[in-house]
Amino acid sequence: MTPNEGSYQEKERVMYNTAYTQHINDNAFFELSAYKVYEDRTDKNFAAKDSNNGLVKEGDTIYERELEMDRSYGFKGKSEVKISDHTILFGAERKNLQGGETDIKVSVNPNNGNNQRPLGSTDSRQKIITNGFFLADSWKLNDMFTVDLGMRYDTYKTENFTYDHDDSKLTPRAGLTYTITPQDKAAVYVYQSYRTPTMPDTVHYSNGEDVAELRDRGIKPEEVNAIDFVYRHDFRGKGFIKFSAWYYDIDNYSLRRTVPTTADPSTTVNAQYNIDNAEFIGISLGGEYKVFKNLTVNAGVSYQKSEKSGDPTDKDFSSSSDEVDNIPEYKGNAGFVWKITDKLTFDMGLNYIGERPKYEDGKQKTLSSYTLADASIAYEVAKNTILEVYADNIFDKKYEETSGYEAMGFNAGASVRWAY
């Protein structure tokens, strides 16, 4: 359904996580961790200005649904052992990605006043089960060179999708770090990775069933081939500056786009799907510096170009491009951390996101740039226990992360971290 003026999404996300670390001796430890996610979203759309046709009038609610977007949970165990010049890391993890019910409360076709979708609650019982096993070795050859080698094996299985996947992937990683001086290091990494879809991805994937080009395609993991370069200079305990460059070649890149439905091109859906390939190349410069004993400032800027191919929906748009949807060329940030007392810390930051290409209504458009201000305050209420209160988008900036819906305005929350 095409978003009209006043349409919005409300999202609430709660994540519980716990971890236990046990040191075996000075050269070895193991860690066990687990997490559980609760993420809910409400979508609401209203009749457009030209809807005063006797069936619905401007401002009427024509669509409302509540989604249990994410009910995922997972476990992880890892251990690190130092043997001579080697630091060996190994472990395993399992994730059970699943959503919950979808409750459609209102679904009115503004053209005829009829219901567009059945009302009530449904549960697709869709699941994604992933397992990962990893092994890495950081080998200090001498005072100048360190070699990093690693391997990861992942399995990926979907259940109750229209088209299920059962797949696995072995991905290697290699890196070399050159210590130029005690304050200067350069490193290069060449690696592969395997990114599985999230539950919100699968919810939007199901919208693609209304689009002929996307129907029955399934949703696949991304397969990444990457090269990273990093140079870092440390200011003798005062801070650092870091330059990074990267190139990513991603098969089955997962994209979210607003596309017209096959049955009624005047109606659109926000669908998640895989394209054949996407490439990214970029650079960044950032760092932090302690200007006073209790005040540290930080800043960063990045530039990135993207290119895509094999998008099954591109033919639906009279004006398209090879750029990847919703990816900005420019990003930046600046902020500070103020340690008011030994127990009380305040930090604040500005985050800039540049213009991004988007495609809708058969045309190429542009999502506007925006700058958000965030802040948090943390207090050690007891030994090893920290209470944090945070606020995002504190000036209630109106902006769109993706096309059609305003992103969340001012929001705040709290967390408690306990370590023993």
Protein backbone atom coordinates (compact mmCIF):
# COMPACT_ATOMS: atom_id res chain seq x y z
CA MET A 1 0.00 0.00 0.00
CA THR A 2 1.39 3.39 -1.00
CA PRO A 3 2.20 5.54 2.09
CA ASN A 4 0.18 8.78 2.20
CA GLU A 5 0.64 11.95 4.21
CA GLY A 6 0.73 11.24 7.93
CA SER A 7 1.55 7.54 7.54
CA TYR A 8 3.98 6.22 10.11
CA GLN A 9 5.67 3.23 11.69
CA GLU A 10 6.19 2.83 15.43
CA LYS A 11 8.85 0.38 16.54
CA GLU A 12 9.75 -0.99 19.95
CA ARG A 13 12.79 -3.20 20.46
CA VAL A 14 13.95 -4.85 23.67
CA MET A 15 17.06 -7.01 23.74
CA TYR A 16 18.23 -9.12 26.67
CA ASN A 17 21.76 -10.47 26.70
CA THR A 18 23.98 -12.12 29.23
CA ALA A 19 27.59 -13.29 29.21
CA TYR A 20 29.86 -15.20 31.57
CA THR A 21 33.66 -15.09 31.25
CA GLN A 22 35.96 -17.42 33.17
CA HIS A 23 39.75 -17.04 33.13
CA ILE A 24 41.42 -20.44 33.31
CA ASN A 25 44.87 -18.89 33.81
CA ASP A 26 46.81 -15.87 32.57
CA ASN A 27 46.89 -17.33 29.05
CA ALA A 28 43.39 -18.74 28.57
CA PHE A 29 39.71 -17.99 29.12
CA PHE A 30 36.31 -19.12 27.93
CA GLU A 31 33.08 -17.14 27.54
CA LEU A 32 29.43 -18.20 27.30
CA SER A 33 26.73 -15.78 26.14
CA ALA A 34 23.07 -15.72 25.13
CA TYR A 35 20.53 -13.20 23.86
CA LYS A 36 16.79 -12.81 23.31
CA VAL A 37 15.06 -10.16 21.16
CA TYR A 38 11.54 -8.72 21.32
CA GLU A 39 10.82 -6.33 18.45
CA ASP A 40 7.32 -5.05 17.61
CA ARG A 41 6.12 -2.61 14.97
CA THR A 42 2.86 -0.80 14.23
CA ASP A 43 2.12 0.44 10.68
CA LYS A 44 -0.57 3.01 10.03
CA ASN A 45 -1.68 4.64 6.77
CA PHE A 46 -4.35 7.26 6.10
CA ALA A 47 -6.49 8.20 3.12
CA ALA A 48 -4.92 10.73 0.77
CA LYS A 49 -6.19 14.25 0.08
CA ASP A 50 -7.97 13.16 -3.11
CA SER A 51 -9.87 10.34 -1.37
CA ASN A 52 -13.12 12.23 -0.69
CA ASN A 53 -15.12 9.94 -2.96
CA GLY A 54 -17.91 8.96 -0.57
CA LEU A 55 -16.13 5.73 0.37
CA VAL A 56 -13.30 7.15 2.45
CA LYS A 57 -12.33 10.72 3.20
CA GLU A 58 -9.03 12.44 3.78
CA GLY A 59 -7.44 11.35 7.04
CA ASP A 60 -9.42 8.11 7.47
CA THR A 61 -7.37 5.12 8.63
CA ILE A 62 -7.15 2.80 5.63
CA TYR A 63 -4.45 0.46 6.93
CA GLU A 64 -3.30 -0.59 10.40
CA ARG A 65 -1.34 -3.64 11.44
CA GLU A 66 0.70 -4.78 14.43
CA LEU A 67 3.67 -7.06 13.84
CA GLU A 68 5.74 -9.15 16.20
CA MET A 69 8.76 -8.53 13.99
CA ASP A 70 11.39 -10.43 15.91
CA ARG A 71 11.38 -13.10 18.61
CA SER A 72 14.88 -14.42 17.95
CA TYR A 73 17.31 -15.93 20.43
CA GLY A 74 20.77 -17.43 20.34
CA PHE A 75 23.76 -18.85 22.19
CA LYS A 76 27.53 -18.55 21.78
CA GLY A 77 30.60 -20.10 23.32
CA LYS A 78 34.21 -19.15 22.63
CA SER A 79 37.66 -19.65 24.10
CA GLU A 80 41.03 -17.97 23.65
CA VAL A 81 44.39 -19.57 24.39
CA LYS A 82 47.87 -18.04 24.13
CA ILE A 83 50.62 -20.48 23.20
CA SER A 84 54.07 -19.00 22.62
CA ASP A 85 53.69 -16.42 19.79
CA HIS A 86 50.19 -17.63 18.87
CA THR A 87 46.82 -16.39 20.14
CA ILE A 88 44.21 -18.99 19.18
CA LEU A 89 40.48 -18.26 19.23
CA PHE A 90 37.80 -20.90 18.62
CA GLY A 91 34.09 -21.32 19.28
CA ALA A 92 30.58 -21.95 18.05
CA GLU A 93 27.24 -20.16 17.98
CA ARG A 94 23.62 -20.91 17.15
CA LYS A 95 20.84 -18.46 16.25
CA ASN A 96 17.14 -19.23 16.05
CA LEU A 97 15.62 -16.35 14.09
CA GLN A 98 11.85 -16.17 14.21
CA GLY A 99 8.99 -13.69 14.32
CA GLY A 100 5.55 -13.86 15.84
CA GLU A 101 2.01 -12.91 14.92
CA THR A 102 0.80 -10.30 12.44
CA ASP A 103 -2.51 -8.64 13.34
CA ILE A 104 -4.18 -6.65 10.55
CA LYS A 105 -6.78 -4.40 12.17
CA VAL A 106 -7.74 -2.22 9.18
CA SER A 107 -7.16 -2.76 5.46
CA VAL A 108 -9.39 -0.65 3.22
CA ASN A 109 -9.02 -0.11 -0.52
CA PRO A 110 -9.62 3.65 -0.91
CA ASN A 111 -10.84 3.13 -4.49
CA ASN A 112 -13.82 0.92 -3.62
CA GLY A 113 -14.08 0.84 0.19
CA ASN A 114 -13.53 -2.93 0.33
CA ASN A 115 -11.01 -4.82 2.45
CA GLN A 116 -7.72 -5.35 0.60
CA ARG A 117 -6.41 -8.03 2.97
CA PRO A 118 -8.07 -10.42 5.41
CA LEU A 119 -8.36 -9.00 8.91
CA GLY A 120 -7.20 -10.72 12.08
CA SER A 121 -4.06 -12.42 13.41
CA THR A 122 -1.84 -14.85 11.53
CA ASP A 123 1.46 -16.54 12.29
CA SER A 124 3.59 -17.74 9.39
CA ARG A 125 5.78 -19.80 11.76
CA GLN A 126 8.73 -18.93 9.56
CA LYS A 127 12.15 -19.67 11.07
CA ILE A 128 15.78 -19.29 10.15
CA ILE A 129 18.25 -21.54 11.96
CA THR A 130 21.96 -20.77 11.69
CA ASN A 131 25.01 -22.48 13.17
CA GLY A 132 28.54 -21.13 13.05
CA PHE A 133 31.91 -22.65 13.94
CA PHE A 134 35.10 -20.58 13.87
CA LEU A 135 38.85 -20.92 14.40
CA ALA A 136 41.46 -18.15 14.21
CA ASP A 137 45.16 -17.75 14.92
CA SER A 138 47.00 -14.46 15.46
CA TRP A 139 50.70 -15.24 15.00
CA LYS A 140 53.29 -12.66 16.04
CA LEU A 141 56.20 -13.35 13.70
CA ASN A 142 58.41 -10.65 15.24
CA ASP A 143 58.19 -7.12 16.63
CA MET A 144 57.18 -5.78 13.21
CA PHE A 145 54.80 -8.32 11.65
CA THR A 146 51.72 -10.20 12.86
CA VAL A 147 49.82 -12.68 10.67
CA ASP A 148 46.12 -13.39 11.24
CA LEU A 149 44.56 -16.53 9.76
CA GLY A 150 41.05 -17.81 10.29
CA MET A 151 38.26 -20.01 9.03
CA ARG A 152 34.52 -20.05 9.67
CA TYR A 153 31.88 -22.62 8.72
CA ASP A 154 28.20 -21.55 8.66
CA THR A 155 24.98 -23.45 8.06
CA TYR A 156 21.70 -21.76 7.08
CA LYS A 157 18.27 -23.36 7.03
CA THR A 158 14.80 -21.85 6.58
CA GLU A 159 11.48 -23.38 7.61
CA ASN A 160 7.90 -22.66 6.43
CA PHE A 161 8.89 -20.28 3.63
CA THR A 162 7.31 -20.54 0.19
CA TYR A 163 10.73 -21.55 -1.07
CA ASP A 164 13.02 -22.95 1.65
CA HIS A 165 16.82 -22.91 1.66
CA ASP A 166 19.28 -25.34 3.25
CA ASP A 167 22.82 -24.14 2.66
CA SER A 168 26.31 -23.97 4.14
CA LYS A 169 29.48 -21.99 3.49
CA LEU A 170 33.16 -22.18 4.46
CA THR A 171 34.78 -18.72 4.58
CA PRO A 172 38.51 -17.98 5.07
CA ARG A 173 40.20 -14.86 6.45
CA ALA A 174 43.80 -13.64 6.25
CA GLY A 175 45.50 -10.48 7.47
CA LEU A 176 48.91 -8.92 7.90
CA THR A 177 49.75 -6.15 10.40
CA TYR A 178 52.94 -4.09 10.07
CA THR A 179 54.09 -2.23 13.19
CA ILE A 180 56.01 0.70 11.70
CA THR A 181 56.72 2.41 15.03
CA PRO A 182 55.23 1.95 18.51
CA GLN A 183 52.66 4.62 17.51
CA ASP A 184 52.03 3.60 13.88
CA LYS A 185 50.48 0.46 12.45
CA ALA A 186 49.21 -0.56 9.01
CA ALA A 187 47.16 -3.66 8.25
CA VAL A 188 45.52 -5.34 5.29
CA TYR A 189 42.82 -8.04 5.51
CA VAL A 190 41.43 -10.28 2.77
CA TYR A 191 38.40 -12.34 3.72
CA GLN A 192 35.02 -13.80 2.90
CA SER A 193 31.88 -13.64 5.03
CA TYR A 194 28.36 -15.05 5.00
CA ARG A 195 25.58 -12.74 6.22
CA THR A 196 22.24 -14.37 6.93
CA PRO A 197 18.91 -12.46 6.76
CA THR A 198 17.35 -11.01 9.89
CA MET A 199 13.74 -11.58 10.91
CA PRO A 200 12.69 -8.05 9.84
CA ASP A 201 14.20 -8.93 6.44
CA THR A 202 11.96 -11.99 6.21
CA VAL A 203 8.84 -9.99 7.13
CA HIS A 204 9.51 -7.61 4.25
CA TYR A 205 10.46 -10.54 2.01
CA SER A 206 6.92 -11.91 2.37
CA ASN A 207 5.59 -8.67 0.85
CA GLY A 208 7.29 -9.68 -2.40
CA GLU A 209 4.75 -12.46 -2.90
CA ASP A 210 2.51 -9.75 -4.42
CA VAL A 211 5.15 -8.96 -7.08
CA ALA A 212 5.54 -11.42 -9.96
CA GLU A 213 9.28 -10.76 -10.38
CA LEU A 214 9.95 -11.59 -6.72
CA ARG A 215 7.52 -14.45 -6.10
CA ASP A 216 9.00 -17.84 -5.09
CA ARG A 217 12.60 -16.56 -5.15
CA GLY A 218 13.26 -17.26 -1.48
CA ILE A 219 15.63 -15.15 0.58
CA LYS A 220 19.30 -16.08 0.52
CA PRO A 221 22.34 -15.19 2.62
CA GLU A 222 24.78 -12.63 1.26
CA GLU A 223 28.19 -13.96 0.20
CA VAL A 224 30.89 -11.32 0.66
CA ASN A 225 34.41 -11.06 -0.78
CA ALA A 226 36.27 -8.22 0.92
CA ILE A 227 39.56 -6.33 1.18
CA ASP A 228 40.21 -3.89 4.05
CA PHE A 229 43.18 -1.59 4.61
CA VAL A 230 43.76 0.28 7.89
CA TYR A 231 46.42 2.75 9.01
CA ARG A 232 46.42 4.01 12.62
CA HIS A 233 48.55 6.54 14.49
CA ASP A 234 48.38 6.76 18.30
CA PHE A 235 49.06 10.00 20.17
CA ARG A 236 50.91 8.44 23.13
CA GLY A 237 47.88 7.81 25.34
CA LYS A 238 46.02 10.95 24.21
CA GLY A 239 44.06 9.41 21.35
CA PHE A 240 44.42 8.18 17.78
CA ILE A 241 43.66 8.89 14.13
CA LYS A 242 42.71 6.09 11.72
CA PHE A 243 42.44 5.90 7.93
CA SER A 244 40.52 3.02 6.35
CA ALA A 245 39.82 1.89 2.79
CA TRP A 246 37.68 -1.03 1.65
CA TYR A 247 36.28 -2.94 -1.28
CA TYR A 248 33.32 -5.34 -0.98
CA ASP A 249 31.95 -7.60 -3.71
CA ILE A 250 28.65 -9.10 -2.48
CA ASP A 251 26.68 -11.84 -4.24
CA ASN A 252 22.96 -12.15 -3.37
CA TYR A 253 22.98 -8.64 -1.91
CA SER A 254 19.80 -8.11 0.13
CA LEU A 255 17.84 -5.01 -0.91
CA ARG A 256 14.65 -3.37 0.34
CA ARG A 257 12.60 -1.39 -2.17
CA THR A 258 9.08 -0.01 -2.59
CA VAL A 259 7.67 -1.74 -5.69
CA PRO A 260 4.23 -1.90 -7.39
CA THR A 261 2.18 -5.06 -7.01
CA THR A 262 1.43 -7.11 -10.10
CA ALA A 263 -2.35 -7.19 -9.62
CA ASP A 264 -2.68 -3.44 -9.00
CA PRO A 265 0.33 -1.31 -10.05
CA SER A 266 -1.17 1.68 -8.24
CA THR A 267 -0.58 -0.22 -4.97
CA THR A 268 2.96 -0.66 -3.67
CA VAL A 269 4.66 -2.89 -1.11
CA ASN A 270 7.95 -2.53 0.77
CA ALA A 271 9.72 -5.74 -0.25
CA GLN A 272 13.05 -7.32 0.74
CA TYR A 273 14.77 -9.46 -1.89
CA ASN A 274 18.15 -10.53 -3.27
CA ILE A 275 19.82 -9.01 -6.30
CA ASP A 276 22.65 -10.75 -8.15
CA ASN A 277 25.53 -8.55 -7.02
CA ALA A 278 26.56 -5.28 -5.38
CA GLU A 279 29.98 -3.66 -5.11
CA PHE A 280 31.15 -1.04 -2.63
CA ILE A 281 34.39 0.93 -2.50
CA GLY A 282 35.10 3.57 0.11
CA ILE A 283 37.44 5.43 2.44
CA SER A 284 37.09 6.88 5.93
CA LEU A 285 39.07 9.04 8.32
CA GLY A 286 38.33 9.25 12.02
CA GLY A 287 39.77 9.46 15.48
CA GLU A 288 39.59 10.79 19.00
CA TYR A 289 41.74 13.02 21.22
CA LYS A 290 41.82 13.71 24.96
CA VAL A 291 41.87 17.52 25.10
CA PHE A 292 41.62 17.55 28.89
CA LYS A 293 42.04 14.89 31.56
CA ASN A 294 38.29 14.29 31.69
CA LEU A 295 37.19 15.34 28.15
CA THR A 296 37.71 13.40 24.91
CA VAL A 297 36.50 14.61 21.51
CA ASN A 298 35.91 12.41 18.46
CA ALA A 299 35.07 12.89 14.78
CA GLY A 300 34.93 10.96 11.52
CA VAL A 301 33.97 11.21 7.85
CA SER A 302 33.53 8.59 5.13
CA TYR A 303 32.93 8.44 1.37
CA GLN A 304 31.59 5.39 -0.46
CA LYS A 305 30.50 4.53 -4.00
CA SER A 306 28.23 1.60 -4.85
CA GLU A 307 27.13 -0.30 -7.93
CA LYS A 308 24.59 -3.08 -8.38
CA SER A 309 23.51 -5.55 -11.05
CA GLY A 310 20.82 -8.17 -11.53
CA ASP A 311 17.91 -6.37 -9.84
CA PRO A 312 14.73 -8.18 -10.99
CA THR A 313 12.55 -5.10 -10.39
CA ASP A 314 14.61 -2.55 -12.33
CA LYS A 315 12.52 -2.96 -15.46
CA ASP A 316 9.53 -1.54 -13.56
CA PHE A 317 11.22 1.86 -13.37
CA SER A 318 11.54 4.25 -16.31
CA SER A 319 14.54 5.93 -14.67
CA SER A 320 16.93 3.77 -12.69
CA SER A 321 20.66 3.63 -12.03
CA ASP A 322 23.36 1.24 -10.97
CA GLU A 323 23.61 2.80 -7.49
CA VAL A 324 22.44 0.71 -4.54
CA ASP A 325 19.22 1.99 -2.98
CA ASN A 326 19.39 3.96 0.28
CA ILE A 327 23.21 3.99 0.47
CA PRO A 328 24.71 7.46 1.08
CA GLU A 329 27.98 8.56 -0.48
CA TYR A 330 28.87 10.74 2.51
CA LYS A 331 28.60 10.12 6.26
CA GLY A 332 30.08 11.98 9.19
CA ASN A 333 30.07 12.18 12.97
CA ALA A 334 31.42 14.37 15.76
CA GLY A 335 31.04 14.25 19.52
CA PHE A 336 32.61 14.21 22.95
CA VAL A 337 32.82 12.09 26.11
CA TRP A 338 32.93 13.98 29.42
CA LYS A 339 33.92 12.01 32.51
CA ILE A 340 32.28 14.24 35.11
CA THR A 341 33.38 12.11 38.08
CA ASP A 342 34.91 8.67 38.53
CA LYS A 343 31.40 7.23 38.44
CA LEU A 344 29.48 9.61 36.16
CA THR A 345 30.03 9.93 32.38
CA PHE A 346 28.17 12.04 29.82
CA ASP A 347 28.57 11.74 26.07
CA MET A 348 26.94 13.47 23.11
CA GLY A 349 27.31 13.16 19.36
CA LEU A 350 26.11 14.39 15.97
CA ASN A 351 25.66 11.93 13.09
CA TYR A 352 25.30 13.08 9.46
CA ILE A 353 23.85 10.89 6.69
CA GLY A 354 24.10 12.21 3.13
CA GLU A 355 21.57 12.03 0.29
CA ARG A 356 20.58 8.55 -0.88
CA PRO A 357 19.02 7.31 -4.14
CA LYS A 358 15.57 5.76 -4.01
CA TYR A 359 13.15 4.40 -6.62
CA GLU A 360 9.39 4.63 -6.52
CA ASP A 361 6.42 5.47 -8.75
CA GLY A 362 8.52 4.58 -11.79
CA LYS A 363 11.06 7.33 -11.10
CA GLN A 364 14.46 7.83 -9.57
CA LYS A 365 14.27 10.12 -6.55
CA THR A 366 16.50 11.22 -3.68
CA LEU A 367 16.13 10.81 0.05
CA SER A 368 17.27 13.99 1.78
CA SER A 369 20.32 14.17 4.01
CA TYR A 370 19.87 14.56 7.75
CA THR A 371 21.81 15.16 10.96
CA LEU A 372 20.81 13.63 14.31
CA ALA A 373 21.94 14.44 17.83
CA ASP A 374 22.23 11.68 20.45
CA ALA A 375 23.26 11.74 24.11
CA SER A 376 23.65 9.41 27.06
CA ILE A 377 24.63 9.53 30.71
CA ALA A 378 26.04 6.55 32.60
CA TYR A 379 26.44 6.15 36.35
CA GLU A 380 28.13 3.38 38.33
CA VAL A 381 25.41 2.79 40.92
CA ALA A 382 27.36 -0.03 42.60
CA LYS A 383 30.53 -1.99 42.07
CA ASN A 384 30.51 -3.45 38.53
CA THR A 385 26.94 -2.17 37.95
CA ILE A 386 26.33 0.69 35.50
CA LEU A 387 23.00 2.39 34.85
CA GLU A 388 22.76 4.20 31.51
CA VAL A 389 20.02 6.54 30.27
CA TYR A 390 20.14 7.56 26.61
CA ALA A 391 18.22 9.72 24.16
CA ASP A 392 18.34 9.46 20.36
CA ASN A 393 17.28 12.17 17.92
CA ILE A 394 16.99 14.60 20.82
CA PHE A 395 15.84 17.49 18.58
CA ASP A 396 13.04 15.32 17.10
CA LYS A 397 14.34 15.66 13.52
CA LYS A 398 11.89 14.55 10.81
CA TYR A 399 13.62 12.31 8.28
CA GLU A 400 13.29 9.08 6.28
CA GLU A 401 15.73 6.20 6.59
CA THR A 402 13.94 4.46 3.73
CA SER A 403 11.31 5.67 1.33
CA GLY A 404 7.73 6.29 2.39
CA TYR A 405 7.77 6.31 6.18
CA GLU A 406 9.16 8.83 8.61
CA ALA A 407 11.78 7.35 10.91
CA MET A 408 11.40 7.42 14.67
CA GLY A 409 11.57 10.89 16.21
CA PHE A 410 12.84 11.58 19.71
CA ASN A 411 13.21 8.37 21.67
CA ALA A 412 14.84 7.44 24.94
CA GLY A 413 15.65 4.36 26.96
CA ALA A 414 17.71 2.89 29.77
CA SER A 415 19.97 -0.08 30.34
CA VAL A 416 21.73 -1.77 33.23
CA ARG A 417 25.08 -3.54 32.80
CA TRP A 418 26.35 -5.83 35.49
CA ALA A 419 29.72 -7.56 35.39
CA TYR A 420 31.25 -9.81 38.01
